[in-house]
Amino acid sequence: MLESGDVESGMQAASAVDDDTLQKQAQGYVVPDSFTHGSSAQRIRWFRRGLNGGDVAACDTFSAASL
């Protein structure tokens, strides 16, 4: 079961380890063509999709037509 603050913590985690944030911190600029873990927007969108849908299969980014 989710507790108060769990969703917010998940959103923070999703945006803290995305490629755009890490690249900006490391080199001062972002190179979207080199992303391997997705942008913060993509990670948050997929997190919400899984949370709202409750179906792990709906979060299969490997089979998705677009991220």
N, C-alpha and C. Protein backbone atom coordinates (compact mmCIF):
# COMPACT_ATOMS: atom_id res chain seq x y z
N MET A 1 0.83 -1.18 0.00
CA MET A 1 0.00 0.00 0.00
C MET A 1 0.87 1.25 0.00
N LEU A 2 0.38 2.25 -0.68
CA LEU A 2 1.09 3.53 -0.69
C LEU A 2 0.77 4.32 0.56
N GLU A 3 1.76 5.01 1.04
CA GLU A 3 1.57 5.88 2.19
C GLU A 3 1.68 7.33 1.73
N SER A 4 1.27 8.22 2.59
CA SER A 4 1.34 9.65 2.29
C SER A 4 2.78 10.03 1.91
N GLY A 5 2.93 10.69 0.79
CA GLY A 5 4.24 11.13 0.34
C GLY A 5 4.95 10.17 -0.59
N ASP A 6 4.45 8.95 -0.74
CA ASP A 6 5.10 7.96 -1.60
C ASP A 6 5.13 8.39 -3.06
N VAL A 7 4.02 8.92 -3.55
CA VAL A 7 3.95 9.34 -4.96
C VAL A 7 4.91 10.50 -5.20
N GLU A 8 4.92 11.46 -4.30
CA GLU A 8 5.84 12.59 -4.44
C GLU A 8 7.29 12.12 -4.43
N SER A 9 7.60 11.18 -3.57
CA SER A 9 8.97 10.63 -3.51
C SER A 9 9.32 9.92 -4.81
N GLY A 10 8.36 9.19 -5.37
CA GLY A 10 8.59 8.53 -6.65
C GLY A 10 8.84 9.51 -7.77
N MET A 11 8.08 10.58 -7.79
CA MET A 11 8.26 11.62 -8.82
C MET A 11 9.63 12.29 -8.67
N GLN A 12 10.03 12.56 -7.45
CA GLN A 12 11.34 13.17 -7.22
C GLN A 12 12.46 12.23 -7.66
N ALA A 13 12.31 10.95 -7.35
CA ALA A 13 13.31 9.97 -7.75
C ALA A 13 13.38 9.85 -9.27
N ALA A 14 12.22 9.84 -9.92
CA ALA A 14 12.18 9.72 -11.38
C ALA A 14 12.86 10.89 -12.05
N SER A 15 12.72 12.08 -11.50
CA SER A 15 13.32 13.25 -12.14
C SER A 15 14.76 13.48 -11.70
N ALA A 16 15.19 12.87 -10.60
CA ALA A 16 16.55 13.07 -10.10
C ALA A 16 17.58 12.23 -10.85
N VAL A 17 17.16 11.14 -11.46
CA VAL A 17 18.11 10.24 -12.10
C VAL A 17 17.89 10.13 -13.61
N ASP A 18 17.25 11.13 -14.18
CA ASP A 18 17.04 11.10 -15.62
C ASP A 18 18.27 11.63 -16.34
N ASP A 19 18.36 11.32 -17.61
CA ASP A 19 19.53 11.70 -18.38
C ASP A 19 19.71 13.21 -18.49
N ASP A 20 18.61 13.97 -18.66
CA ASP A 20 18.79 15.41 -18.83
C ASP A 20 19.34 16.05 -17.57
N THR A 21 18.88 15.64 -16.40
CA THR A 21 19.39 16.19 -15.14
C THR A 21 20.85 15.80 -14.94
N LEU A 22 21.18 14.53 -15.15
CA LEU A 22 22.56 14.07 -14.94
C LEU A 22 23.52 14.73 -15.92
N GLN A 23 23.13 14.86 -17.18
CA GLN A 23 24.00 15.51 -18.16
C GLN A 23 24.21 16.98 -17.82
N LYS A 24 23.14 17.65 -17.43
CA LYS A 24 23.26 19.07 -17.09
C LYS A 24 24.23 19.26 -15.92
N GLN A 25 24.13 18.39 -14.93
CA GLN A 25 25.03 18.48 -13.77
C GLN A 25 26.47 18.17 -14.16
N ALA A 26 26.67 17.18 -15.00
CA ALA A 26 28.02 16.72 -15.33
C ALA A 26 28.74 17.62 -16.33
N GLN A 27 28.02 18.08 -17.35
CA GLN A 27 28.70 18.81 -18.42
C GLN A 27 28.13 20.18 -18.69
N GLY A 28 27.04 20.52 -18.01
CA GLY A 28 26.48 21.86 -18.17
C GLY A 28 25.51 22.01 -19.32
N TYR A 29 25.30 20.97 -20.10
CA TYR A 29 24.36 21.01 -21.21
C TYR A 29 23.79 19.61 -21.44
N VAL A 30 22.72 19.55 -22.21
CA VAL A 30 21.99 18.30 -22.43
C VAL A 30 22.13 17.86 -23.88
N VAL A 31 22.35 16.57 -24.10
CA VAL A 31 22.43 15.98 -25.44
C VAL A 31 21.36 14.88 -25.52
N PRO A 32 20.13 15.24 -25.94
CA PRO A 32 19.03 14.27 -25.97
C PRO A 32 19.31 13.01 -26.78
N ASP A 33 20.10 13.10 -27.83
CA ASP A 33 20.39 11.92 -28.66
C ASP A 33 21.18 10.85 -27.92
N SER A 34 21.78 11.21 -26.80
CA SER A 34 22.59 10.24 -26.06
C SER A 34 21.87 9.68 -24.83
N PHE A 35 20.60 9.99 -24.67
CA PHE A 35 19.83 9.51 -23.52
C PHE A 35 19.73 7.99 -23.52
N THR A 36 19.92 7.39 -22.36
CA THR A 36 19.74 5.95 -22.21
C THR A 36 18.67 5.62 -21.18
N HIS A 37 18.31 6.57 -20.34
CA HIS A 37 17.31 6.33 -19.29
C HIS A 37 16.11 7.27 -19.41
N GLY A 38 16.06 8.04 -20.45
CA GLY A 38 14.92 8.92 -20.68
C GLY A 38 15.04 10.27 -20.02
N SER A 39 14.26 11.20 -20.50
CA SER A 39 14.22 12.54 -19.91
C SER A 39 13.36 12.50 -18.66
N SER A 40 13.40 13.57 -17.89
CA SER A 40 12.57 13.62 -16.69
C SER A 40 11.09 13.55 -17.07
N ALA A 41 10.71 14.22 -18.14
CA ALA A 41 9.31 14.20 -18.57
C ALA A 41 8.87 12.78 -18.94
N GLN A 42 9.73 12.04 -19.64
CA GLN A 42 9.41 10.67 -20.02
C GLN A 42 9.29 9.78 -18.79
N ARG A 43 10.22 9.90 -17.88
CA ARG A 43 10.22 9.04 -16.69
C ARG A 43 9.00 9.31 -15.83
N ILE A 44 8.65 10.59 -15.68
CA ILE A 44 7.47 10.94 -14.89
C ILE A 44 6.20 10.45 -15.57
N ARG A 45 6.13 10.60 -16.90
CA ARG A 45 4.95 10.14 -17.64
C ARG A 45 4.76 8.63 -17.46
N TRP A 46 5.83 7.86 -17.57
CA TRP A 46 5.72 6.41 -17.41
C TRP A 46 5.43 6.02 -15.96
N PHE A 47 5.97 6.75 -15.02
CA PHE A 47 5.66 6.49 -13.61
C PHE A 47 4.17 6.70 -13.37
N ARG A 48 3.63 7.81 -13.86
CA ARG A 48 2.20 8.09 -13.68
C ARG A 48 1.33 7.05 -14.40
N ARG A 49 1.78 6.63 -15.56
CA ARG A 49 1.02 5.62 -16.32
C ARG A 49 0.90 4.34 -15.50
N GLY A 50 1.98 3.92 -14.91
CA GLY A 50 1.94 2.71 -14.09
C GLY A 50 1.12 2.91 -12.83
N LEU A 51 1.26 4.04 -12.20
CA LEU A 51 0.53 4.33 -10.98
C LEU A 51 -0.97 4.40 -11.23
N ASN A 52 -1.35 5.11 -12.26
CA ASN A 52 -2.78 5.29 -12.55
C ASN A 52 -3.43 4.04 -13.13
N GLY A 53 -2.68 3.29 -13.92
CA GLY A 53 -3.25 2.11 -14.56
C GLY A 53 -3.21 0.87 -13.70
N GLY A 54 -2.20 0.77 -12.86
CA GLY A 54 -2.07 -0.39 -12.00
C GLY A 54 -1.69 -1.67 -12.73
N ASP A 55 -1.24 -1.56 -13.97
CA ASP A 55 -0.90 -2.73 -14.77
C ASP A 55 0.55 -2.61 -15.22
N VAL A 56 1.40 -3.49 -14.75
CA VAL A 56 2.82 -3.45 -15.09
C VAL A 56 3.02 -3.53 -16.61
N ALA A 57 2.21 -4.29 -17.30
CA ALA A 57 2.34 -4.44 -18.74
C ALA A 57 2.15 -3.11 -19.48
N ALA A 58 1.40 -2.19 -18.89
CA ALA A 58 1.19 -0.88 -19.51
C ALA A 58 2.44 -0.01 -19.46
N CYS A 59 3.41 -0.43 -18.68
CA CYS A 59 4.65 0.35 -18.52
C CYS A 59 5.81 -0.23 -19.29
N ASP A 60 5.55 -1.07 -20.26
CA ASP A 60 6.60 -1.72 -21.04
C ASP A 60 7.18 -0.74 -22.06
N THR A 61 8.19 -0.01 -21.66
CA THR A 61 8.79 0.98 -22.56
C THR A 61 9.54 0.33 -23.71
N PHE A 62 9.95 -0.92 -23.56
CA PHE A 62 10.67 -1.60 -24.63
C PHE A 62 9.77 -1.93 -25.82
N SER A 63 8.48 -2.11 -25.58
CA SER A 63 7.53 -2.43 -26.65
C SER A 63 6.75 -1.22 -27.13
N ALA A 64 6.94 -0.08 -26.49
CA ALA A 64 6.17 1.12 -26.82
C ALA A 64 6.54 1.65 -28.21
N ALA A 65 5.56 2.13 -28.93
CA ALA A 65 5.81 2.73 -30.25
C ALA A 65 6.57 4.04 -30.11
N SER A 66 6.30 4.77 -29.05
CA SER A 66 7.04 6.01 -28.75
C SER A 66 7.12 6.17 -27.25
N LEU A 67 8.16 6.86 -26.82
CA LEU A 67 8.35 7.05 -25.39
C LEU A 67 7.75 8.35 -24.95
